[in-house]
Amino acid sequence: MTHPSVIRPRDHAVYAAEKMGKTTLFESGRLLVGLNAFEPGQVHKLHAHAGQDKLYLVVEGEGQFLLEGRELPMAAGDLLIAPEGVAHGVRNTGATRLLVLAVLAPAPATP
């Protein structure tokens, strides 16, 4: 990408009945920007990243941020930052789709 352009996340969302949908909007050696698209009831279970910080921004819908030993309500416009090593996840507890922007820095190493 040589010249930035406006991205409308919902235009790139991929929903799947069997599991959370994932789309990469941008990736470099320094940053990964993706979308996690959840149908009602879908979950991205607790996990942690070594050497990476993660930011979640709720684009649309509602649900719960999952953290070790607790759950926090989320709605469009809410933001959660999970520093390196902090277990985190997402659950769509709403009756509609949930779309979450996920940013990781640095980007995961590609095999």
N, C-alpha and C. Protein backbone atom coordinates (compact mmCIF):
# COMPACT_ATOMS: atom_id res chain seq x y z
N MET A 1 0.86 -1.16 0.00
CA MET A 1 0.00 0.00 0.00
C MET A 1 0.91 1.23 0.00
N THR A 2 0.79 2.06 -1.00
CA THR A 2 1.61 3.26 -1.08
C THR A 2 0.85 4.51 -0.68
N HIS A 3 -0.45 4.47 -0.78
CA HIS A 3 -1.25 5.63 -0.42
C HIS A 3 -2.44 5.16 0.40
N PRO A 4 -2.59 5.65 1.64
CA PRO A 4 -3.71 5.21 2.48
C PRO A 4 -5.07 5.56 1.87
N SER A 5 -6.04 4.74 2.19
CA SER A 5 -7.41 5.02 1.78
C SER A 5 -8.33 4.67 2.96
N VAL A 6 -9.54 5.17 2.89
CA VAL A 6 -10.52 4.91 3.95
C VAL A 6 -10.98 3.46 3.84
N ILE A 7 -11.06 2.82 4.98
CA ILE A 7 -11.54 1.43 5.06
C ILE A 7 -12.81 1.43 5.89
N ARG A 8 -13.84 0.80 5.38
CA ARG A 8 -15.08 0.61 6.13
C ARG A 8 -15.11 -0.86 6.56
N PRO A 9 -14.78 -1.12 7.82
CA PRO A 9 -14.63 -2.51 8.26
C PRO A 9 -15.79 -3.43 7.91
N ARG A 10 -17.03 -2.97 8.10
CA ARG A 10 -18.16 -3.88 7.85
C ARG A 10 -18.22 -4.35 6.40
N ASP A 11 -17.63 -3.58 5.46
CA ASP A 11 -17.61 -4.00 4.06
C ASP A 11 -16.68 -5.20 3.83
N HIS A 12 -15.82 -5.51 4.80
CA HIS A 12 -14.85 -6.59 4.66
C HIS A 12 -15.13 -7.77 5.59
N ALA A 13 -16.20 -7.68 6.37
CA ALA A 13 -16.52 -8.74 7.33
C ALA A 13 -16.92 -10.02 6.63
N VAL A 14 -16.42 -11.14 7.17
CA VAL A 14 -16.77 -12.46 6.66
C VAL A 14 -17.35 -13.25 7.83
N TYR A 15 -18.62 -13.57 7.74
CA TYR A 15 -19.30 -14.34 8.79
C TYR A 15 -19.41 -15.79 8.34
N ALA A 16 -19.28 -16.71 9.29
CA ALA A 16 -19.39 -18.14 9.00
C ALA A 16 -20.21 -18.80 10.10
N ALA A 17 -21.08 -19.71 9.72
CA ALA A 17 -21.95 -20.36 10.69
C ALA A 17 -21.18 -21.26 11.65
N GLU A 18 -20.10 -21.89 11.16
CA GLU A 18 -19.40 -22.88 11.96
C GLU A 18 -18.40 -22.30 12.96
N LYS A 19 -17.83 -21.11 12.68
CA LYS A 19 -16.89 -20.49 13.63
C LYS A 19 -16.70 -19.02 13.27
N MET A 20 -16.08 -18.30 14.19
CA MET A 20 -15.80 -16.88 14.00
C MET A 20 -15.10 -16.65 12.66
N GLY A 21 -15.53 -15.64 11.93
CA GLY A 21 -14.88 -15.28 10.68
C GLY A 21 -13.73 -14.33 10.93
N LYS A 22 -12.64 -14.47 10.15
CA LYS A 22 -11.47 -13.60 10.29
C LYS A 22 -11.10 -13.01 8.94
N THR A 23 -10.78 -11.72 8.94
CA THR A 23 -10.34 -11.03 7.74
C THR A 23 -9.15 -10.15 8.12
N THR A 24 -8.11 -10.14 7.30
CA THR A 24 -6.99 -9.24 7.52
C THR A 24 -7.18 -7.99 6.66
N LEU A 25 -7.19 -6.83 7.30
CA LEU A 25 -7.34 -5.56 6.59
C LEU A 25 -5.98 -4.98 6.21
N PHE A 26 -4.97 -5.21 7.06
CA PHE A 26 -3.62 -4.69 6.80
C PHE A 26 -2.63 -5.52 7.58
N GLU A 27 -1.46 -5.76 6.98
CA GLU A 27 -0.41 -6.48 7.68
C GLU A 27 0.95 -6.00 7.20
N SER A 28 1.82 -5.74 8.17
CA SER A 28 3.22 -5.45 7.89
C SER A 28 4.03 -6.17 8.97
N GLY A 29 5.31 -6.01 8.97
CA GLY A 29 6.12 -6.62 10.01
C GLY A 29 5.91 -5.98 11.38
N ARG A 30 5.27 -4.83 11.41
CA ARG A 30 5.06 -4.10 12.65
C ARG A 30 3.65 -4.16 13.19
N LEU A 31 2.67 -4.44 12.31
CA LEU A 31 1.27 -4.29 12.70
C LEU A 31 0.38 -5.24 11.92
N LEU A 32 -0.62 -5.79 12.60
CA LEU A 32 -1.66 -6.58 11.95
C LEU A 32 -2.99 -5.98 12.36
N VAL A 33 -3.83 -5.66 11.37
CA VAL A 33 -5.17 -5.14 11.62
C VAL A 33 -6.15 -6.11 10.98
N GLY A 34 -7.01 -6.69 11.80
CA GLY A 34 -7.96 -7.66 11.28
C GLY A 34 -9.35 -7.45 11.84
N LEU A 35 -10.27 -8.24 11.33
CA LEU A 35 -11.65 -8.23 11.80
C LEU A 35 -12.02 -9.61 12.31
N ASN A 36 -12.72 -9.64 13.42
CA ASN A 36 -13.30 -10.87 13.93
C ASN A 36 -14.82 -10.70 13.85
N ALA A 37 -15.47 -11.59 13.11
CA ALA A 37 -16.91 -11.48 12.86
C ALA A 37 -17.62 -12.67 13.51
N PHE A 38 -18.52 -12.37 14.43
CA PHE A 38 -19.20 -13.40 15.23
C PHE A 38 -20.69 -13.43 14.94
N GLU A 39 -21.20 -14.61 14.67
CA GLU A 39 -22.64 -14.83 14.67
C GLU A 39 -23.08 -14.93 16.13
N PRO A 40 -24.37 -14.76 16.44
CA PRO A 40 -24.83 -14.91 17.82
C PRO A 40 -24.39 -16.25 18.41
N GLY A 41 -23.86 -16.18 19.64
CA GLY A 41 -23.43 -17.38 20.35
C GLY A 41 -21.99 -17.80 20.10
N GLN A 42 -21.33 -17.27 19.09
CA GLN A 42 -19.96 -17.69 18.81
C GLN A 42 -18.98 -17.09 19.81
N VAL A 43 -17.87 -17.81 20.02
CA VAL A 43 -16.87 -17.45 21.02
C VAL A 43 -15.47 -17.57 20.42
N HIS A 44 -14.60 -16.65 20.78
CA HIS A 44 -13.16 -16.79 20.56
C HIS A 44 -12.58 -16.98 21.94
N LYS A 45 -12.22 -18.23 22.27
CA LYS A 45 -11.88 -18.60 23.63
C LYS A 45 -10.63 -17.88 24.14
N LEU A 46 -10.46 -17.94 25.45
CA LEU A 46 -9.32 -17.30 26.10
C LEU A 46 -8.01 -17.76 25.47
N HIS A 47 -7.14 -16.79 25.19
CA HIS A 47 -5.82 -17.06 24.66
C HIS A 47 -4.94 -15.86 24.98
N ALA A 48 -3.65 -16.03 24.88
CA ALA A 48 -2.71 -14.93 25.15
C ALA A 48 -1.65 -14.93 24.06
N HIS A 49 -0.99 -13.80 23.90
CA HIS A 49 0.06 -13.66 22.89
C HIS A 49 1.38 -13.34 23.57
N ALA A 50 2.41 -14.10 23.23
CA ALA A 50 3.75 -13.81 23.73
C ALA A 50 4.39 -12.79 22.80
N GLY A 51 4.90 -11.72 23.36
CA GLY A 51 5.61 -10.73 22.57
C GLY A 51 4.72 -9.80 21.75
N GLN A 52 3.41 -9.82 22.01
CA GLN A 52 2.48 -8.98 21.25
C GLN A 52 1.43 -8.37 22.18
N ASP A 53 1.06 -7.14 21.90
CA ASP A 53 -0.07 -6.50 22.55
C ASP A 53 -1.24 -6.55 21.57
N LYS A 54 -2.46 -6.61 22.11
CA LYS A 54 -3.64 -6.68 21.25
C LYS A 54 -4.67 -5.66 21.69
N LEU A 55 -5.30 -5.06 20.72
CA LEU A 55 -6.36 -4.08 20.94
C LEU A 55 -7.61 -4.59 20.24
N TYR A 56 -8.73 -4.55 20.94
CA TYR A 56 -10.03 -4.87 20.36
C TYR A 56 -10.87 -3.59 20.36
N LEU A 57 -11.51 -3.29 19.24
CA LEU A 57 -12.47 -2.19 19.16
C LEU A 57 -13.76 -2.76 18.59
N VAL A 58 -14.86 -2.62 19.33
CA VAL A 58 -16.15 -3.15 18.89
C VAL A 58 -16.72 -2.20 17.83
N VAL A 59 -16.90 -2.72 16.61
CA VAL A 59 -17.44 -1.94 15.50
C VAL A 59 -18.96 -1.93 15.55
N GLU A 60 -19.55 -3.12 15.74
CA GLU A 60 -21.00 -3.20 15.86
C GLU A 60 -21.39 -4.45 16.62
N GLY A 61 -22.53 -4.37 17.27
CA GLY A 61 -23.03 -5.49 18.06
C GLY A 61 -22.70 -5.34 19.54
N GLU A 62 -22.93 -6.42 20.27
CA GLU A 62 -22.63 -6.44 21.70
C GLU A 62 -22.28 -7.84 22.13
N GLY A 63 -21.60 -7.94 23.24
CA GLY A 63 -21.17 -9.24 23.75
C GLY A 63 -20.38 -9.06 25.02
N GLN A 64 -19.36 -9.92 25.17
CA GLN A 64 -18.52 -9.87 26.36
C GLN A 64 -17.06 -10.01 25.97
N PHE A 65 -16.21 -9.20 26.61
CA PHE A 65 -14.77 -9.44 26.57
C PHE A 65 -14.50 -10.49 27.63
N LEU A 66 -13.78 -11.52 27.29
CA LEU A 66 -13.42 -12.56 28.24
C LEU A 66 -12.01 -12.30 28.75
N LEU A 67 -11.86 -12.33 30.06
CA LEU A 67 -10.56 -12.18 30.70
C LEU A 67 -10.43 -13.27 31.74
N GLU A 68 -9.23 -13.53 32.19
CA GLU A 68 -9.01 -14.57 33.20
C GLU A 68 -9.84 -14.24 34.44
N GLY A 69 -10.83 -15.09 34.75
CA GLY A 69 -11.64 -14.93 35.96
C GLY A 69 -12.75 -13.90 35.90
N ARG A 70 -12.95 -13.26 34.74
CA ARG A 70 -14.05 -12.30 34.66
C ARG A 70 -14.46 -12.05 33.21
N GLU A 71 -15.64 -11.46 33.08
CA GLU A 71 -16.19 -11.09 31.77
C GLU A 71 -16.67 -9.66 31.87
N LEU A 72 -16.40 -8.88 30.82
CA LEU A 72 -16.80 -7.47 30.79
C LEU A 72 -17.75 -7.24 29.63
N PRO A 73 -18.85 -6.52 29.85
CA PRO A 73 -19.77 -6.25 28.74
C PRO A 73 -19.09 -5.38 27.69
N MET A 74 -19.45 -5.61 26.43
CA MET A 74 -18.93 -4.80 25.32
C MET A 74 -20.07 -4.40 24.42
N ALA A 75 -19.91 -3.21 23.83
CA ALA A 75 -20.88 -2.70 22.86
C ALA A 75 -20.12 -1.84 21.86
N ALA A 76 -20.77 -1.52 20.75
CA ALA A 76 -20.14 -0.71 19.70
C ALA A 76 -19.49 0.53 20.30
N GLY A 77 -18.24 0.76 19.92
CA GLY A 77 -17.47 1.89 20.41
C GLY A 77 -16.55 1.56 21.57
N ASP A 78 -16.75 0.39 22.22
CA ASP A 78 -15.90 0.00 23.35
C ASP A 78 -14.56 -0.53 22.87
N LEU A 79 -13.55 -0.33 23.71
CA LEU A 79 -12.18 -0.71 23.40
C LEU A 79 -11.59 -1.48 24.57
N LEU A 80 -10.83 -2.52 24.27
CA LEU A 80 -10.11 -3.28 25.29
C LEU A 80 -8.69 -3.48 24.80
N ILE A 81 -7.72 -3.28 25.68
CA ILE A 81 -6.32 -3.54 25.35
C ILE A 81 -5.86 -4.69 26.21
N ALA A 82 -5.31 -5.73 25.57
CA ALA A 82 -4.75 -6.88 26.27
C ALA A 82 -3.24 -6.87 26.04
N PRO A 83 -2.47 -6.43 27.04
CA PRO A 83 -1.02 -6.44 26.89
C PRO A 83 -0.48 -7.87 26.75
N GLU A 84 0.73 -7.97 26.32
CA GLU A 84 1.41 -9.26 26.15
C GLU A 84 1.17 -10.15 27.36
N GLY A 85 0.81 -11.40 27.10
CA GLY A 85 0.65 -12.39 28.15
C GLY A 85 -0.68 -12.38 28.89
N VAL A 86 -1.53 -11.38 28.68
CA VAL A 86 -2.84 -11.31 29.35
C VAL A 86 -3.85 -12.10 28.53
N ALA A 87 -4.43 -13.13 29.15
CA ALA A 87 -5.43 -13.96 28.45
C ALA A 87 -6.68 -13.14 28.17
N HIS A 88 -7.22 -13.30 26.96
CA HIS A 88 -8.37 -12.53 26.52
C HIS A 88 -9.16 -13.33 25.49
N GLY A 89 -10.41 -12.96 25.29
CA GLY A 89 -11.27 -13.60 24.30
C GLY A 89 -12.52 -12.76 24.12
N VAL A 90 -13.44 -13.27 23.28
CA VAL A 90 -14.66 -12.53 22.96
C VAL A 90 -15.81 -13.53 22.85
N ARG A 91 -16.99 -13.14 23.34
CA ARG A 91 -18.20 -13.94 23.19
C ARG A 91 -19.33 -13.03 22.70
N ASN A 92 -20.03 -13.48 21.67
CA ASN A 92 -21.21 -12.75 21.21
C ASN A 92 -22.41 -13.25 22.01
N THR A 93 -22.86 -12.43 22.94
CA THR A 93 -24.03 -12.77 23.75
C THR A 93 -25.29 -12.10 23.23
N GLY A 94 -25.15 -11.31 22.16
CA GLY A 94 -26.29 -10.58 21.60
C GLY A 94 -27.11 -11.43 20.65
N ALA A 95 -28.21 -10.87 20.20
CA ALA A 95 -29.11 -11.55 19.26
C ALA A 95 -28.74 -11.24 17.81
N THR A 96 -27.76 -10.34 17.62
CA THR A 96 -27.34 -9.96 16.27
C THR A 96 -25.84 -10.21 16.12
N ARG A 97 -25.35 -9.99 14.94
CA ARG A 97 -23.92 -10.18 14.66
C ARG A 97 -23.06 -9.19 15.45
N LEU A 98 -21.83 -9.62 15.73
CA LEU A 98 -20.85 -8.82 16.45
C LEU A 98 -19.61 -8.70 15.57
N LEU A 99 -19.13 -7.47 15.37
CA LEU A 99 -17.95 -7.23 14.55
C LEU A 99 -16.92 -6.48 15.39
N VAL A 100 -15.72 -7.06 15.49
CA VAL A 100 -14.67 -6.52 16.35
C VAL A 100 -13.40 -6.33 15.53
N LEU A 101 -12.85 -5.12 15.58
CA LEU A 101 -11.56 -4.84 14.96
C LEU A 101 -10.49 -5.31 15.93
N ALA A 102 -9.51 -6.06 15.44
CA ALA A 102 -8.43 -6.58 16.27
C ALA A 102 -7.10 -6.08 15.71
N VAL A 103 -6.28 -5.48 16.58
CA VAL A 103 -4.98 -4.94 16.17
C VAL A 103 -3.91 -5.60 17.02
N LEU A 104 -2.90 -6.19 16.37
CA LEU A 104 -1.78 -6.80 17.07
C LEU A 104 -0.49 -6.09 16.70
N ALA A 105 0.34 -5.83 17.72
CA ALA A 105 1.63 -5.21 17.47
C ALA A 105 2.65 -5.84 18.41
N PRO A 106 3.79 -6.27 17.90
CA PRO A 106 4.07 -6.36 16.47
C PRO A 106 3.23 -7.46 15.81
N ALA A 107 3.21 -7.46 14.50
CA ALA A 107 2.45 -8.47 13.76
C ALA A 107 3.02 -9.86 14.03
N PRO A 108 2.18 -10.90 13.97
CA PRO A 108 2.68 -12.26 14.12
C PRO A 108 3.70 -12.58 13.03
N ALA A 109 4.70 -13.34 13.41
CA ALA A 109 5.70 -13.77 12.42
C ALA A 109 5.04 -14.75 11.45
N THR A 110 5.30 -14.60 10.19
CA THR A 110 4.75 -15.53 9.20
C THR A 110 5.72 -16.68 9.01
N PRO A 111 5.17 -17.90 8.93
CA PRO A 111 6.05 -19.08 8.80
C PRO A 111 6.79 -19.14 7.48
